[in-house]
């Protein structure tokens, strides 16, 4: 595994981001949360999409429960 080709899935300012190793090294240490490290960008982006979809799904259920609406079909 070449460290220069790693991709980092982070959360910063309440947003998920995929960054290169070079970008990651330049971030201030307490400015982000590291979720996972990947060998390629594609896998990192797929995981980021999954995390965002999960958050949207959970929020949708919370909104439905609060309003008494029927659940959305998936």
C-alpha atoms as a PDB file:
ATOM      1  CA  UNK A   1       0.000   0.000   0.000  1.00  0.00           C
ATOM      2  CA  UNK A   2       1.516   3.302  -1.092  1.00  0.00           C
ATOM      3  CA  UNK A   3       0.717   6.069   1.420  1.00  0.00           C
ATOM      4  CA  UNK A   4       0.698   8.668  -1.372  1.00  0.00           C
ATOM      5  CA  UNK A   5      -2.237   6.979  -3.078  1.00  0.00           C
ATOM      6  CA  UNK A   6      -4.476   6.606  -0.033  1.00  0.00           C
ATOM      7  CA  UNK A   7      -7.857   8.311   0.178  1.00  0.00           C
ATOM      8  CA  UNK A   8      -9.327   9.530   3.445  1.00  0.00           C
ATOM      9  CA  UNK A   9     -13.017   9.744   4.281  1.00  0.00           C
ATOM     10  CA  UNK A  10     -13.423  12.537   6.815  1.00  0.00           C
ATOM     11  CA  UNK A  11     -16.166  14.645   8.336  1.00  0.00           C
ATOM     12  CA  UNK A  12     -15.428  18.361   8.566  1.00  0.00           C
ATOM     13  CA  UNK A  13     -17.839  21.214   9.240  1.00  0.00           C
ATOM     14  CA  UNK A  14     -20.695  18.672   9.366  1.00  0.00           C
ATOM     15  CA  UNK A  15     -19.929  17.500   5.799  1.00  0.00           C
ATOM     16  CA  UNK A  16     -18.412  14.228   4.624  1.00  0.00           C
ATOM     17  CA  UNK A  17     -15.439  14.626   2.304  1.00  0.00           C
ATOM     18  CA  UNK A  18     -12.987  12.392   0.475  1.00  0.00           C
ATOM     19  CA  UNK A  19      -9.473  13.823   0.415  1.00  0.00           C
ATOM     20  CA  UNK A  20      -6.070  12.734  -0.832  1.00  0.00           C
ATOM     21  CA  UNK A  21      -3.182  11.917   1.468  1.00  0.00           C
ATOM     22  CA  UNK A  22      -1.582  15.262   0.595  1.00  0.00           C
ATOM     23  CA  UNK A  23      -4.749  17.189   1.490  1.00  0.00           C
ATOM     24  CA  UNK A  24      -5.167  15.137   4.664  1.00  0.00           C
ATOM     25  CA  UNK A  25      -1.662  15.970   5.881  1.00  0.00           C
ATOM     26  CA  UNK A  26      -2.367  19.701   5.523  1.00  0.00           C
ATOM     27  CA  UNK A  27      -5.516  19.664   7.686  1.00  0.00           C
ATOM     28  CA  UNK A  28      -5.274  21.013  11.233  1.00  0.00           C
ATOM     29  CA  UNK A  29      -5.433  17.988  13.598  1.00  0.00           C
ATOM     30  CA  UNK A  30      -8.629  18.954  15.463  1.00  0.00           C
ATOM     31  CA  UNK A  31     -10.551  20.221  12.423  1.00  0.00           C
ATOM     32  CA  UNK A  32     -12.028  16.897  11.268  1.00  0.00           C
ATOM     33  CA  UNK A  33     -13.118  13.387  12.215  1.00  0.00           C
ATOM     34  CA  UNK A  34     -11.474  10.533  10.316  1.00  0.00           C
ATOM     35  CA  UNK A  35     -13.941   7.816   9.333  1.00  0.00           C
ATOM     36  CA  UNK A  36     -11.880   5.461   7.198  1.00  0.00           C
ATOM     37  CA  UNK A  37      -8.840   5.139   4.912  1.00  0.00           C
ATOM     38  CA  UNK A  38      -9.151   3.581   1.436  1.00  0.00           C
ATOM     39  CA  UNK A  39      -6.777   2.303  -1.220  1.00  0.00           C
ATOM     40  CA  UNK A  40      -8.729   3.987  -4.002  1.00  0.00           C
ATOM     41  CA  UNK A  41     -11.018   6.944  -4.541  1.00  0.00           C
ATOM     42  CA  UNK A  42     -13.922   4.894  -5.841  1.00  0.00           C
ATOM     43  CA  UNK A  43     -14.283   2.872  -2.626  1.00  0.00           C
ATOM     44  CA  UNK A  44     -13.997   6.043  -0.542  1.00  0.00           C
ATOM     45  CA  UNK A  45     -16.730   7.761  -2.567  1.00  0.00           C
ATOM     46  CA  UNK A  46     -19.018   4.721  -2.340  1.00  0.00           C
ATOM     47  CA  UNK A  47     -18.699   4.698   1.448  1.00  0.00           C
ATOM     48  CA  UNK A  48     -19.317   8.441   1.616  1.00  0.00           C
ATOM     49  CA  UNK A  49     -22.488   8.022  -0.464  1.00  0.00           C
ATOM     50  CA  UNK A  50     -23.626   5.185   1.808  1.00  0.00           C
ATOM     51  CA  UNK A  51     -23.105   7.329   4.916  1.00  0.00           C
ATOM     52  CA  UNK A  52     -25.037  10.252   3.428  1.00  0.00           C
ATOM     53  CA  UNK A  53     -27.898   8.005   2.277  1.00  0.00           C
ATOM     54  CA  UNK A  54     -28.103   6.454   5.735  1.00  0.00           C
ATOM     55  CA  UNK A  55     -28.246   9.887   7.383  1.00  0.00           C
ATOM     56  CA  UNK A  56     -30.986  11.035   4.989  1.00  0.00           C
ATOM     57  CA  UNK A  57     -32.969   7.841   5.599  1.00  0.00           C
ATOM     58  CA  UNK A  58     -32.720   8.248   9.391  1.00  0.00           C
ATOM     59  CA  UNK A  59     -33.745  11.897   9.219  1.00  0.00           C
ATOM     60  CA  UNK A  60     -36.682  11.016   6.984  1.00  0.00           C
ATOM     61  CA  UNK A  61     -37.906   8.481   9.546  1.00  0.00           C
ATOM     62  CA  UNK A  62     -37.533  11.019  12.346  1.00  0.00           C
ATOM     63  CA  UNK A  63     -39.536  13.584  10.379  1.00  0.00           C
ATOM     64  CA  UNK A  64     -42.239  11.024   9.592  1.00  0.00           C
ATOM     65  CA  UNK A  65     -42.467   9.971  13.230  1.00  0.00           C
ATOM     66  CA  UNK A  66     -42.718  13.578  14.334  1.00  0.00           C
ATOM     67  CA  UNK A  67     -45.442  14.448  11.820  1.00  0.00           C
ATOM     68  CA  UNK A  68     -47.315  11.150  12.062  1.00  0.00           C
ATOM     69  CA  UNK A  69     -46.898  10.552   8.324  1.00  0.00           C
ATOM     70  CA  UNK A  70     -46.695   7.106   6.776  1.00  0.00           C
ATOM     71  CA  UNK A  71     -43.187   5.715   6.130  1.00  0.00           C
ATOM     72  CA  UNK A  72     -41.718   6.293   2.689  1.00  0.00           C
ATOM     73  CA  UNK A  73     -41.242   3.209   0.500  1.00  0.00           C
ATOM     74  CA  UNK A  74     -37.615   2.514  -0.247  1.00  0.00           C
END
